[in-house]
Amino acid sequence: MKGSLLVFAIVLLATPRAMAQEPPACRILCAPEFKLEPTGTFTNLFGSPRIVGEDGPPTRERRETEFEVILSLGLPTRVSWLEFTVEAIFLPFDRHSTPELEFETNFIWLPAERTRGWVSSHFDVVDKFSAAERPTDLRAYTHKLNLELDTSVSVFNWLPEGRWLRGVELEGSLDYVASGRPRKGDHIDGFRFLDNASPWSFSIVFVLRIAPS
């Protein structure tokens, strides 16, 4: 995990230098985009599992709200409907949390040009590298398959060109984690899962473009 974060940091440090130069014509990957994304995530959106402790009746796992800070490095490609994204995710108010990394392939099905810059949407296939969640996992961190549907609204699109706020977006992200989640029969933190853990969550994201501005 430390090695992955180091690679991500090196890429971020190299980004301003690359942007300061005259951007060449795109061949495969185009000029990177760096964004800061404060995020609120609601877990157990659908199908909250039943869990039972050593004593007491079964209960439903609670729906929780998590505040995250995401550092996002976007890599557009020469193909208008395809992009790649690397994200580092932190939970600043959770002392027990550890950073996560996501490596995304973004398929843009609704480009902003079709809505005069107001709305865009893309479907993402994500390799989520985060803390292990199953008792049978042999490593502290595991790869998980995550599928996302993200839709963004440019809330300040009415401002004149060149204004920084014009690039601010409000995004809704529906997530489905297809692997690596607790399953029926798993014992975790003194509780036994009577159902598979819910793979669904929903995030509200404020997208702040840092570079290029």
N, C-alpha and C. Protein backbone atom coordinates (compact mmCIF):
# COMPACT_ATOMS: atom_id res chain seq x y z
N MET A 1 0.83 -1.21 0.00
CA MET A 1 0.00 0.00 0.00
C MET A 1 0.86 1.25 0.00
N LYS A 2 1.94 1.25 0.80
CA LYS A 2 2.81 2.42 0.83
C LYS A 2 3.42 2.68 -0.53
N GLY A 3 3.77 1.61 -1.25
CA GLY A 3 4.34 1.77 -2.58
C GLY A 3 3.35 2.39 -3.54
N SER A 4 2.08 1.99 -3.45
CA SER A 4 1.06 2.55 -4.34
C SER A 4 0.86 4.03 -4.07
N LEU A 5 0.83 4.41 -2.80
CA LEU A 5 0.68 5.83 -2.46
C LEU A 5 1.88 6.64 -2.92
N LEU A 6 3.08 6.04 -2.86
CA LEU A 6 4.28 6.74 -3.30
C LEU A 6 4.20 7.01 -4.80
N VAL A 7 3.78 6.02 -5.57
CA VAL A 7 3.62 6.20 -7.02
C VAL A 7 2.61 7.30 -7.31
N PHE A 8 1.50 7.30 -6.57
CA PHE A 8 0.48 8.33 -6.77
C PHE A 8 1.03 9.71 -6.47
N ALA A 9 1.82 9.84 -5.38
CA ALA A 9 2.40 11.13 -5.02
C ALA A 9 3.37 11.62 -6.09
N ILE A 10 4.17 10.71 -6.65
CA ILE A 10 5.12 11.09 -7.69
C ILE A 10 4.38 11.62 -8.92
N VAL A 11 3.29 10.95 -9.28
CA VAL A 11 2.49 11.41 -10.42
C VAL A 11 1.93 12.80 -10.18
N LEU A 12 1.44 13.05 -8.95
CA LEU A 12 0.88 14.36 -8.62
C LEU A 12 1.95 15.44 -8.67
N LEU A 13 3.13 15.14 -8.17
CA LEU A 13 4.20 16.13 -8.18
C LEU A 13 4.66 16.43 -9.60
N ALA A 14 4.56 15.46 -10.47
CA ALA A 14 4.98 15.67 -11.86
C ALA A 14 3.93 16.40 -12.67
N THR A 15 2.69 16.43 -12.19
CA THR A 15 1.59 17.01 -12.96
C THR A 15 1.77 18.49 -13.25
N PRO A 16 2.11 19.36 -12.25
CA PRO A 16 2.25 20.79 -12.55
C PRO A 16 3.30 21.07 -13.62
N ARG A 17 4.44 20.32 -13.59
CA ARG A 17 5.48 20.54 -14.59
C ARG A 17 4.95 20.21 -15.98
N ALA A 18 4.20 19.11 -16.07
CA ALA A 18 3.66 18.72 -17.37
C ALA A 18 2.66 19.75 -17.87
N MET A 19 1.90 20.35 -16.95
CA MET A 19 0.89 21.31 -17.36
C MET A 19 1.51 22.65 -17.72
N ALA A 20 2.67 22.95 -17.15
CA ALA A 20 3.30 24.23 -17.42
C ALA A 20 3.87 24.29 -18.83
N GLN A 21 4.14 23.14 -19.43
CA GLN A 21 4.67 23.11 -20.77
C GLN A 21 3.55 23.25 -21.78
N GLU A 22 3.91 23.64 -22.98
CA GLU A 22 2.92 23.74 -24.05
C GLU A 22 2.39 22.34 -24.34
N PRO A 23 1.05 22.11 -24.19
CA PRO A 23 0.54 20.76 -24.34
C PRO A 23 0.66 20.27 -25.76
N PRO A 24 1.28 19.10 -25.97
CA PRO A 24 1.39 18.54 -27.31
C PRO A 24 0.06 17.97 -27.75
N ALA A 25 -0.04 17.67 -29.04
CA ALA A 25 -1.24 17.03 -29.55
C ALA A 25 -1.39 15.66 -28.92
N CYS A 26 -2.64 15.29 -28.60
CA CYS A 26 -2.89 14.01 -27.96
C CYS A 26 -2.54 12.87 -28.91
N ARG A 27 -1.83 11.88 -28.40
CA ARG A 27 -1.60 10.64 -29.14
C ARG A 27 -2.41 9.52 -28.51
N ILE A 28 -2.15 9.26 -27.23
CA ILE A 28 -2.95 8.27 -26.51
C ILE A 28 -3.59 8.94 -25.30
N LEU A 29 -2.75 9.43 -24.36
CA LEU A 29 -3.24 10.13 -23.19
C LEU A 29 -3.06 11.63 -23.38
N CYS A 30 -4.06 12.40 -22.94
CA CYS A 30 -4.00 13.86 -23.07
C CYS A 30 -3.57 14.48 -21.74
N ALA A 31 -3.55 15.81 -21.68
CA ALA A 31 -3.10 16.53 -20.48
C ALA A 31 -3.93 16.12 -19.27
N PRO A 32 -3.27 15.80 -18.15
CA PRO A 32 -4.00 15.34 -16.96
C PRO A 32 -4.79 16.47 -16.30
N GLU A 33 -5.79 16.07 -15.53
CA GLU A 33 -6.62 17.01 -14.77
C GLU A 33 -6.57 16.60 -13.30
N PHE A 34 -6.29 17.56 -12.42
CA PHE A 34 -6.21 17.30 -10.99
C PHE A 34 -7.40 17.94 -10.30
N LYS A 35 -8.13 17.15 -9.49
CA LYS A 35 -9.34 17.64 -8.83
C LYS A 35 -9.33 17.27 -7.35
N LEU A 36 -9.97 18.12 -6.54
CA LEU A 36 -10.21 17.86 -5.13
C LEU A 36 -11.71 17.63 -4.97
N GLU A 37 -12.08 16.53 -4.29
CA GLU A 37 -13.48 16.14 -4.25
C GLU A 37 -13.93 15.82 -2.82
N PRO A 38 -14.42 16.81 -2.06
CA PRO A 38 -15.07 16.50 -0.78
C PRO A 38 -16.34 15.70 -1.05
N THR A 39 -16.52 14.61 -0.28
CA THR A 39 -17.57 13.65 -0.61
C THR A 39 -18.31 13.17 0.63
N GLY A 40 -19.62 13.06 0.51
CA GLY A 40 -20.43 12.41 1.53
C GLY A 40 -21.00 11.11 0.98
N THR A 41 -20.75 9.99 1.66
CA THR A 41 -21.17 8.68 1.16
C THR A 41 -22.14 8.03 2.13
N PHE A 42 -23.23 7.49 1.59
CA PHE A 42 -24.25 6.80 2.38
C PHE A 42 -24.15 5.30 2.08
N THR A 43 -23.78 4.51 3.09
CA THR A 43 -23.60 3.07 2.91
C THR A 43 -24.91 2.32 3.14
N ASN A 44 -24.91 1.03 2.81
CA ASN A 44 -26.10 0.19 2.97
C ASN A 44 -27.33 0.84 2.34
N LEU A 45 -27.15 1.31 1.13
CA LEU A 45 -28.24 2.02 0.46
C LEU A 45 -29.43 1.09 0.23
N PHE A 46 -29.17 -0.12 -0.24
CA PHE A 46 -30.21 -1.13 -0.44
C PHE A 46 -29.75 -2.44 0.21
N GLY A 47 -30.69 -3.22 0.69
CA GLY A 47 -30.39 -4.56 1.17
C GLY A 47 -29.47 -4.62 2.36
N SER A 48 -29.72 -3.79 3.37
CA SER A 48 -28.89 -3.83 4.57
C SER A 48 -28.96 -5.23 5.19
N PRO A 49 -27.80 -5.86 5.48
CA PRO A 49 -27.81 -7.26 5.94
C PRO A 49 -28.22 -7.39 7.40
N ARG A 50 -28.73 -8.57 7.74
CA ARG A 50 -28.99 -8.90 9.13
C ARG A 50 -27.70 -9.41 9.77
N ILE A 51 -27.45 -8.95 10.99
CA ILE A 51 -26.28 -9.41 11.75
C ILE A 51 -26.73 -9.80 13.15
N VAL A 52 -25.97 -10.69 13.77
CA VAL A 52 -26.33 -11.13 15.11
C VAL A 52 -25.06 -11.25 15.93
N GLY A 53 -25.13 -10.77 17.19
CA GLY A 53 -24.01 -10.89 18.11
C GLY A 53 -24.07 -12.20 18.88
N GLU A 54 -23.19 -12.33 19.85
CA GLU A 54 -23.17 -13.55 20.67
C GLU A 54 -24.45 -13.67 21.48
N ASP A 55 -24.98 -12.54 21.92
CA ASP A 55 -26.23 -12.53 22.67
C ASP A 55 -27.16 -11.52 22.01
N GLY A 56 -28.43 -11.84 22.01
CA GLY A 56 -29.39 -10.89 21.49
C GLY A 56 -29.94 -11.30 20.15
N PRO A 57 -31.04 -10.68 19.75
CA PRO A 57 -31.69 -11.04 18.49
C PRO A 57 -30.96 -10.43 17.30
N PRO A 58 -31.24 -10.92 16.10
CA PRO A 58 -30.65 -10.33 14.89
C PRO A 58 -31.10 -8.88 14.71
N THR A 59 -30.21 -8.07 14.17
CA THR A 59 -30.54 -6.68 13.84
C THR A 59 -30.02 -6.39 12.44
N ARG A 60 -30.47 -5.26 11.88
CA ARG A 60 -29.98 -4.83 10.58
C ARG A 60 -28.74 -3.96 10.76
N GLU A 61 -27.75 -4.17 9.91
CA GLU A 61 -26.57 -3.31 9.94
C GLU A 61 -26.99 -1.89 9.60
N ARG A 62 -26.50 -0.94 10.36
CA ARG A 62 -26.94 0.45 10.21
C ARG A 62 -26.45 1.07 8.91
N ARG A 63 -27.25 1.98 8.41
CA ARG A 63 -26.80 2.83 7.31
C ARG A 63 -25.94 3.94 7.90
N GLU A 64 -24.76 4.15 7.34
CA GLU A 64 -23.84 5.16 7.87
C GLU A 64 -23.53 6.22 6.82
N THR A 65 -23.14 7.38 7.32
CA THR A 65 -22.72 8.47 6.45
C THR A 65 -21.24 8.75 6.71
N GLU A 66 -20.44 8.69 5.65
CA GLU A 66 -19.00 8.89 5.78
C GLU A 66 -18.59 10.14 5.00
N PHE A 67 -17.72 10.95 5.61
CA PHE A 67 -17.16 12.10 4.90
C PHE A 67 -15.77 11.72 4.40
N GLU A 68 -15.55 11.90 3.10
CA GLU A 68 -14.29 11.53 2.48
C GLU A 68 -13.67 12.73 1.77
N VAL A 69 -12.38 12.71 1.66
CA VAL A 69 -11.65 13.66 0.84
C VAL A 69 -10.93 12.86 -0.24
N ILE A 70 -11.22 13.19 -1.50
CA ILE A 70 -10.66 12.44 -2.62
C ILE A 70 -9.74 13.33 -3.44
N LEU A 71 -8.54 12.85 -3.68
CA LEU A 71 -7.62 13.49 -4.62
C LEU A 71 -7.67 12.71 -5.92
N SER A 72 -8.07 13.38 -6.99
CA SER A 72 -8.35 12.70 -8.24
C SER A 72 -7.43 13.21 -9.34
N LEU A 73 -6.82 12.28 -10.06
CA LEU A 73 -6.00 12.59 -11.21
C LEU A 73 -6.65 11.96 -12.44
N GLY A 74 -7.24 12.79 -13.30
CA GLY A 74 -7.91 12.32 -14.49
C GLY A 74 -7.00 12.32 -15.70
N LEU A 75 -7.10 11.28 -16.51
CA LEU A 75 -6.29 11.16 -17.71
C LEU A 75 -7.20 10.98 -18.92
N PRO A 76 -7.59 12.08 -19.58
CA PRO A 76 -8.38 11.95 -20.80
C PRO A 76 -7.58 11.25 -21.89
N THR A 77 -8.26 10.69 -22.84
CA THR A 77 -7.61 10.03 -23.96
C THR A 77 -8.03 10.68 -25.27
N ARG A 78 -7.38 10.23 -26.30
CA ARG A 78 -7.70 10.76 -27.63
C ARG A 78 -9.12 10.37 -28.04
N VAL A 79 -9.63 9.27 -27.47
CA VAL A 79 -11.00 8.82 -27.73
C VAL A 79 -11.94 9.60 -26.82
N SER A 80 -12.89 10.30 -27.36
CA SER A 80 -13.70 11.24 -26.58
C SER A 80 -14.54 10.57 -25.50
N TRP A 81 -14.88 9.28 -25.68
CA TRP A 81 -15.75 8.61 -24.72
C TRP A 81 -14.99 7.79 -23.69
N LEU A 82 -13.66 7.85 -23.70
CA LEU A 82 -12.86 7.03 -22.80
C LEU A 82 -11.87 7.88 -22.00
N GLU A 83 -11.86 7.68 -20.69
CA GLU A 83 -10.90 8.34 -19.81
C GLU A 83 -10.43 7.34 -18.76
N PHE A 84 -9.32 7.70 -18.09
CA PHE A 84 -8.81 6.92 -16.96
C PHE A 84 -8.66 7.87 -15.77
N THR A 85 -8.87 7.33 -14.58
CA THR A 85 -8.77 8.14 -13.36
C THR A 85 -8.08 7.35 -12.26
N VAL A 86 -7.20 8.03 -11.52
CA VAL A 86 -6.60 7.46 -10.31
C VAL A 86 -7.03 8.32 -9.14
N GLU A 87 -7.54 7.68 -8.08
CA GLU A 87 -8.03 8.43 -6.93
C GLU A 87 -7.40 7.90 -5.64
N ALA A 88 -7.03 8.83 -4.76
CA ALA A 88 -6.63 8.50 -3.40
C ALA A 88 -7.72 9.02 -2.47
N ILE A 89 -8.22 8.15 -1.59
CA ILE A 89 -9.40 8.45 -0.78
C ILE A 89 -9.02 8.40 0.70
N PHE A 90 -9.42 9.45 1.42
CA PHE A 90 -9.11 9.56 2.85
C PHE A 90 -10.39 9.86 3.63
N LEU A 91 -10.50 9.31 4.85
CA LEU A 91 -11.59 9.63 5.78
C LEU A 91 -10.97 10.43 6.93
N PRO A 92 -10.97 11.76 6.85
CA PRO A 92 -10.21 12.56 7.83
C PRO A 92 -10.77 12.51 9.25
N PHE A 93 -12.04 12.14 9.42
CA PHE A 93 -12.63 12.15 10.75
C PHE A 93 -12.75 10.76 11.36
N ASP A 94 -12.19 9.76 10.70
CA ASP A 94 -12.20 8.40 11.21
C ASP A 94 -10.77 8.00 11.56
N ARG A 95 -10.47 7.93 12.84
CA ARG A 95 -9.10 7.65 13.28
C ARG A 95 -8.65 6.25 12.90
N HIS A 96 -9.58 5.34 12.70
CA HIS A 96 -9.22 3.95 12.43
C HIS A 96 -9.19 3.64 10.94
N SER A 97 -9.49 4.61 10.11
CA SER A 97 -9.53 4.35 8.68
C SER A 97 -8.12 4.38 8.08
N THR A 98 -7.99 3.75 6.94
CA THR A 98 -6.74 3.77 6.19
C THR A 98 -7.04 4.25 4.77
N PRO A 99 -6.06 4.86 4.09
CA PRO A 99 -6.31 5.38 2.73
C PRO A 99 -6.68 4.26 1.77
N GLU A 100 -7.42 4.65 0.73
CA GLU A 100 -7.79 3.74 -0.33
C GLU A 100 -7.32 4.29 -1.67
N LEU A 101 -7.12 3.40 -2.60
CA LEU A 101 -6.79 3.78 -3.98
C LEU A 101 -7.82 3.19 -4.93
N GLU A 102 -8.17 3.96 -5.96
CA GLU A 102 -9.05 3.46 -7.00
C GLU A 102 -8.43 3.74 -8.36
N PHE A 103 -8.48 2.74 -9.22
CA PHE A 103 -8.00 2.87 -10.59
C PHE A 103 -9.19 2.65 -11.51
N GLU A 104 -9.63 3.71 -12.19
CA GLU A 104 -10.89 3.69 -12.90
C GLU A 104 -10.71 3.74 -14.41
N THR A 105 -11.58 3.02 -15.10
CA THR A 105 -11.76 3.19 -16.54
C THR A 105 -13.15 3.80 -16.73
N ASN A 106 -13.19 4.99 -17.29
CA ASN A 106 -14.44 5.76 -17.41
C ASN A 106 -14.97 5.72 -18.83
N PHE A 107 -16.22 5.28 -18.97
CA PHE A 107 -16.89 5.25 -20.26
C PHE A 107 -17.96 6.35 -20.27
N ILE A 108 -17.73 7.39 -21.05
CA ILE A 108 -18.60 8.57 -21.05
C ILE A 108 -19.75 8.34 -22.03
N TRP A 109 -20.95 8.16 -21.49
CA TRP A 109 -22.11 7.93 -22.35
C TRP A 109 -22.92 9.21 -22.59
N LEU A 110 -22.73 10.22 -21.72
CA LEU A 110 -23.39 11.51 -21.91
C LEU A 110 -22.35 12.61 -21.76
N PRO A 111 -21.72 13.04 -22.85
CA PRO A 111 -20.72 14.11 -22.76
C PRO A 111 -21.38 15.46 -22.50
N ALA A 112 -20.63 16.36 -21.84
CA ALA A 112 -21.17 17.67 -21.49
C ALA A 112 -21.56 18.47 -22.73
N GLU A 113 -20.91 18.22 -23.86
CA GLU A 113 -21.21 18.98 -25.07
C GLU A 113 -22.65 18.81 -25.52
N ARG A 114 -23.26 17.67 -25.21
CA ARG A 114 -24.65 17.42 -25.62
C ARG A 114 -25.66 18.24 -24.83
N THR A 115 -25.24 18.73 -23.64
CA THR A 115 -26.15 19.48 -22.78
C THR A 115 -25.67 20.92 -22.59
N ARG A 116 -24.86 21.40 -23.54
CA ARG A 116 -24.29 22.75 -23.47
C ARG A 116 -23.48 22.97 -22.19
N GLY A 117 -22.84 21.90 -21.73
CA GLY A 117 -21.96 22.01 -20.58
C GLY A 117 -22.62 21.84 -19.23
N TRP A 118 -23.93 21.61 -19.20
CA TRP A 118 -24.64 21.56 -17.93
C TRP A 118 -24.54 20.20 -17.24
N VAL A 119 -24.72 19.12 -17.98
CA VAL A 119 -24.81 17.78 -17.39
C VAL A 119 -23.90 16.83 -18.16
N SER A 120 -23.24 15.94 -17.43
CA SER A 120 -22.46 14.86 -18.04
C SER A 120 -22.60 13.62 -17.18
N SER A 121 -22.36 12.45 -17.79
CA SER A 121 -22.49 11.21 -17.04
C SER A 121 -21.57 10.16 -17.64
N HIS A 122 -21.05 9.28 -16.77
CA HIS A 122 -20.18 8.21 -17.23
C HIS A 122 -20.34 6.98 -16.35
N PHE A 123 -20.05 5.83 -16.95
CA PHE A 123 -20.06 4.54 -16.26
C PHE A 123 -18.62 4.10 -16.04
N ASP A 124 -18.29 3.67 -14.82
CA ASP A 124 -16.91 3.38 -14.47
C ASP A 124 -16.75 1.93 -14.04
N VAL A 125 -15.67 1.32 -14.50
CA VAL A 125 -15.23 0.02 -14.01
C VAL A 125 -13.98 0.28 -13.16
N VAL A 126 -14.03 -0.08 -11.90
CA VAL A 126 -13.03 0.37 -10.92
C VAL A 126 -12.34 -0.80 -10.24
N ASP A 127 -11.01 -0.71 -10.14
CA ASP A 127 -10.23 -1.60 -9.28
C ASP A 127 -10.03 -0.84 -7.97
N LYS A 128 -10.76 -1.26 -6.95
CA LYS A 128 -10.72 -0.59 -5.64
C LYS A 128 -9.74 -1.34 -4.75
N PHE A 129 -8.69 -0.67 -4.29
CA PHE A 129 -7.66 -1.27 -3.45
C PHE A 129 -7.81 -0.69 -2.05
N SER A 130 -8.40 -1.47 -1.15
CA SER A 130 -8.74 -0.95 0.17
C SER A 130 -8.57 -2.04 1.23
N ALA A 131 -8.80 -1.65 2.49
CA ALA A 131 -8.60 -2.59 3.59
C ALA A 131 -9.47 -3.84 3.41
N ALA A 132 -8.89 -4.99 3.76
CA ALA A 132 -9.61 -6.26 3.65
C ALA A 132 -10.84 -6.24 4.55
N GLU A 133 -11.93 -6.87 4.08
CA GLU A 133 -13.19 -6.85 4.81
C GLU A 133 -13.69 -8.23 5.19
N ARG A 134 -13.08 -9.29 4.65
CA ARG A 134 -13.55 -10.64 4.93
C ARG A 134 -12.57 -11.37 5.86
N PRO A 135 -13.07 -12.21 6.76
CA PRO A 135 -12.16 -12.94 7.68
C PRO A 135 -11.26 -13.92 6.96
N THR A 136 -11.61 -14.32 5.75
CA THR A 136 -10.78 -15.26 4.99
C THR A 136 -9.68 -14.57 4.19
N ASP A 137 -9.67 -13.24 4.16
CA ASP A 137 -8.63 -12.53 3.42
C ASP A 137 -7.28 -12.73 4.07
N LEU A 138 -6.26 -12.97 3.26
CA LEU A 138 -4.93 -13.25 3.77
C LEU A 138 -4.05 -12.02 3.83
N ARG A 139 -4.49 -10.92 3.23
CA ARG A 139 -3.71 -9.69 3.23
C ARG A 139 -4.51 -8.56 3.85
N ALA A 140 -3.78 -7.55 4.33
CA ALA A 140 -4.45 -6.42 4.97
C ALA A 140 -5.24 -5.59 3.96
N TYR A 141 -4.76 -5.54 2.71
CA TYR A 141 -5.46 -4.82 1.65
C TYR A 141 -5.81 -5.79 0.53
N THR A 142 -6.98 -5.59 -0.07
CA THR A 142 -7.41 -6.46 -1.17
C THR A 142 -7.97 -5.61 -2.31
N HIS A 143 -7.94 -6.20 -3.52
CA HIS A 143 -8.55 -5.58 -4.68
C HIS A 143 -10.02 -5.97 -4.74
N LYS A 144 -10.87 -5.01 -5.06
CA LYS A 144 -12.31 -5.24 -5.16
C LYS A 144 -12.81 -4.66 -6.47
N LEU A 145 -13.74 -5.35 -7.11
CA LEU A 145 -14.36 -4.83 -8.33
C LEU A 145 -15.50 -3.91 -7.94
N ASN A 146 -15.44 -2.66 -8.43
CA ASN A 146 -16.45 -1.66 -8.11
C ASN A 146 -17.00 -1.09 -9.41
N LEU A 147 -18.32 -1.03 -9.51
CA LEU A 147 -18.98 -0.45 -10.68
C LEU A 147 -19.69 0.82 -10.24
N GLU A 148 -19.52 1.90 -11.02
CA GLU A 148 -20.08 3.20 -10.64
C GLU A 148 -20.84 3.82 -11.81
N LEU A 149 -21.90 4.54 -11.46
CA LEU A 149 -22.60 5.40 -12.41
C LEU A 149 -22.57 6.81 -11.85
N ASP A 150 -21.82 7.69 -12.50
CA ASP A 150 -21.62 9.06 -12.01
C ASP A 150 -22.30 10.05 -12.95
N THR A 151 -23.06 10.98 -12.37
CA THR A 151 -23.71 12.03 -13.13
C THR A 151 -23.40 13.37 -12.49
N SER A 152 -22.90 14.32 -13.28
CA SER A 152 -22.45 15.62 -12.76
C SER A 152 -23.29 16.75 -13.34
N VAL A 153 -23.51 17.77 -12.50
CA VAL A 153 -24.18 18.99 -12.93
C VAL A 153 -23.23 20.15 -12.70
N SER A 154 -22.99 20.94 -13.73
CA SER A 154 -22.15 22.13 -13.60
C SER A 154 -23.01 23.27 -13.08
N VAL A 155 -23.02 23.43 -11.76
CA VAL A 155 -23.97 24.34 -11.12
C VAL A 155 -23.69 25.81 -11.41
N PHE A 156 -22.47 26.13 -11.85
CA PHE A 156 -22.12 27.52 -12.17
C PHE A 156 -21.82 27.70 -13.65
N ASN A 157 -22.43 26.87 -14.47
CA ASN A 157 -22.17 26.92 -15.90
C ASN A 157 -22.64 28.23 -16.54
N TRP A 158 -23.49 28.97 -15.82
CA TRP A 158 -24.01 30.24 -16.34
C TRP A 158 -22.99 31.37 -16.25
N LEU A 159 -21.90 31.15 -15.50
CA LEU A 159 -20.88 32.20 -15.37
C LEU A 159 -20.10 32.35 -16.68
N PRO A 160 -19.47 33.52 -16.89
CA PRO A 160 -18.68 33.72 -18.11
C PRO A 160 -17.48 32.78 -18.15
N GLU A 161 -17.00 32.51 -19.35
CA GLU A 161 -15.81 31.68 -19.54
C GLU A 161 -14.62 32.30 -18.79
N GLY A 162 -13.78 31.44 -18.21
CA GLY A 162 -12.60 31.91 -17.50
C GLY A 162 -12.78 32.02 -16.01
N ARG A 163 -14.02 32.00 -15.51
CA ARG A 163 -14.26 32.04 -14.07
C ARG A 163 -14.00 30.66 -13.46
N TRP A 164 -13.26 30.64 -12.33
CA TRP A 164 -12.91 29.37 -11.71
C TRP A 164 -14.14 28.59 -11.28
N LEU A 165 -15.15 29.29 -10.75
CA LEU A 165 -16.35 28.61 -10.27
C LEU A 165 -17.10 27.89 -11.38
N ARG A 166 -16.89 28.30 -12.61
CA ARG A 166 -17.59 27.68 -13.73
C ARG A 166 -17.25 26.18 -13.83
N GLY A 167 -16.08 25.79 -13.35
CA GLY A 167 -15.67 24.40 -13.42
C GLY A 167 -16.12 23.55 -12.24
N VAL A 168 -16.79 24.15 -11.24
CA VAL A 168 -17.25 23.39 -10.07
C VAL A 168 -18.46 22.55 -10.46
N GLU A 169 -18.45 21.28 -10.03
CA GLU A 169 -19.54 20.38 -10.36
C GLU A 169 -20.11 19.73 -9.09
N LEU A 170 -21.40 19.44 -9.14
CA LEU A 170 -22.05 18.64 -8.10
C LEU A 170 -22.38 17.29 -8.72
N GLU A 171 -21.86 16.23 -8.12
CA GLU A 171 -21.95 14.90 -8.73
C GLU A 171 -22.65 13.92 -7.81
N GLY A 172 -23.48 13.07 -8.39
CA GLY A 172 -24.07 11.95 -7.69
C GLY A 172 -23.46 10.66 -8.21
N SER A 173 -23.04 9.77 -7.31
CA SER A 173 -22.35 8.54 -7.70
C SER A 173 -23.03 7.34 -7.05
N LEU A 174 -23.58 6.44 -7.88
CA LEU A 174 -24.18 5.21 -7.40
C LEU A 174 -23.15 4.09 -7.56
N ASP A 175 -22.78 3.45 -6.45
CA ASP A 175 -21.69 2.47 -6.44
C ASP A 175 -22.21 1.06 -6.12
N TYR A 176 -21.63 0.09 -6.81
CA TYR A 176 -21.91 -1.32 -6.54
C TYR A 176 -20.58 -2.05 -6.42
N VAL A 177 -20.24 -2.48 -5.21
CA VAL A 177 -18.99 -3.21 -4.97
C VAL A 177 -19.28 -4.70 -5.16
N ALA A 178 -18.77 -5.26 -6.24
CA ALA A 178 -19.15 -6.61 -6.66
C ALA A 178 -18.34 -7.72 -6.00
N SER A 179 -17.25 -7.39 -5.33
CA SER A 179 -16.43 -8.44 -4.72
C SER A 179 -15.74 -7.88 -3.47
N GLY A 180 -15.29 -8.82 -2.62
CA GLY A 180 -14.50 -8.44 -1.45
C GLY A 180 -15.29 -8.00 -0.24
N ARG A 181 -16.64 -7.99 -0.31
CA ARG A 181 -17.45 -7.56 0.82
C ARG A 181 -17.79 -8.77 1.70
N PRO A 182 -18.12 -8.54 3.00
CA PRO A 182 -18.52 -9.65 3.87
C PRO A 182 -19.70 -10.43 3.30
N ARG A 183 -19.68 -11.74 3.52
CA ARG A 183 -20.73 -12.61 3.00
C ARG A 183 -21.42 -13.36 4.14
N LYS A 184 -22.55 -13.94 3.81
CA LYS A 184 -23.34 -14.69 4.78
C LYS A 184 -22.47 -15.73 5.50
N GLY A 185 -22.52 -15.71 6.83
CA GLY A 185 -21.74 -16.64 7.64
C GLY A 185 -20.44 -16.08 8.16
N ASP A 186 -19.97 -14.95 7.63
CA ASP A 186 -18.72 -14.35 8.10
C ASP A 186 -18.89 -13.80 9.51
N HIS A 187 -17.86 -13.99 10.34
CA HIS A 187 -17.82 -13.43 11.70
C HIS A 187 -16.85 -12.25 11.70
N ILE A 188 -17.37 -11.05 11.99
CA ILE A 188 -16.56 -9.84 11.96
C ILE A 188 -16.89 -8.98 13.18
N ASP A 189 -15.86 -8.63 13.98
CA ASP A 189 -16.02 -7.76 15.15
C ASP A 189 -17.12 -8.25 16.09
N GLY A 190 -17.18 -9.55 16.30
CA GLY A 190 -18.14 -10.10 17.24
C GLY A 190 -19.54 -10.31 16.69
N PHE A 191 -19.74 -10.06 15.41
CA PHE A 191 -21.05 -10.24 14.79
C PHE A 191 -20.95 -11.27 13.66
N ARG A 192 -22.04 -12.03 13.49
CA ARG A 192 -22.12 -12.97 12.38
C ARG A 192 -23.12 -12.44 11.36
N PHE A 193 -22.71 -12.43 10.09
CA PHE A 193 -23.59 -11.96 9.03
C PHE A 193 -24.57 -13.06 8.64
N LEU A 194 -25.86 -12.74 8.70
CA LEU A 194 -26.91 -13.66 8.29
C LEU A 194 -27.25 -13.49 6.81
N ASP A 195 -26.77 -12.41 6.21
CA ASP A 195 -26.96 -12.13 4.78
C ASP A 195 -25.64 -11.58 4.24
N ASN A 196 -25.52 -11.58 2.92
CA ASN A 196 -24.38 -10.91 2.29
C ASN A 196 -24.45 -9.41 2.59
N ALA A 197 -23.29 -8.79 2.78
CA ALA A 197 -23.23 -7.34 3.01
C ALA A 197 -23.79 -6.61 1.80
N SER A 198 -24.40 -5.47 2.04
CA SER A 198 -24.96 -4.68 0.95
C SER A 198 -23.84 -4.13 0.07
N PRO A 199 -23.92 -4.32 -1.25
CA PRO A 199 -22.89 -3.78 -2.13
C PRO A 199 -23.16 -2.35 -2.58
N TRP A 200 -24.30 -1.79 -2.17
CA TRP A 200 -24.75 -0.51 -2.71
C TRP A 200 -24.41 0.66 -1.80
N SER A 201 -23.98 1.76 -2.41
CA SER A 201 -23.81 3.03 -1.68
C SER A 201 -24.06 4.18 -2.65
N PHE A 202 -24.28 5.34 -2.09
CA PHE A 202 -24.50 6.53 -2.92
C PHE A 202 -23.69 7.67 -2.34
N SER A 203 -23.03 8.43 -3.23
CA SER A 203 -22.17 9.53 -2.80
C SER A 203 -22.60 10.84 -3.45
N ILE A 204 -22.51 11.90 -2.66
CA ILE A 204 -22.69 13.26 -3.18
C ILE A 204 -21.31 13.91 -3.16
N VAL A 205 -20.86 14.36 -4.33
CA VAL A 205 -19.48 14.81 -4.50
C VAL A 205 -19.46 16.25 -4.99
N PHE A 206 -18.63 17.08 -4.34
CA PHE A 206 -18.32 18.41 -4.85
C PHE A 206 -16.99 18.33 -5.58
N VAL A 207 -17.02 18.57 -6.86
CA VAL A 207 -15.82 18.43 -7.69
C VAL A 207 -15.20 19.81 -7.90
N LEU A 208 -14.00 20.00 -7.36
CA LEU A 208 -13.28 21.27 -7.46
C LEU A 208 -12.06 21.08 -8.34
N ARG A 209 -12.06 21.71 -9.49
CA ARG A 209 -10.95 21.55 -10.42
C ARG A 209 -9.76 22.39 -9.94
N ILE A 210 -8.62 21.75 -9.72
CA ILE A 210 -7.42 22.44 -9.26
C ILE A 210 -6.51 22.82 -10.43
N ALA A 211 -6.27 21.88 -11.32
CA ALA A 211 -5.41 22.14 -12.47
C ALA A 211 -5.81 21.21 -13.62
N PRO A 212 -5.87 21.69 -14.84
CA PRO A 212 -5.73 23.11 -15.18
C PRO A 212 -6.94 23.89 -14.70
N SER A 213 -6.73 25.14 -14.30
CA SER A 213 -7.81 25.95 -13.76
C SER A 213 -8.65 26.52 -14.88
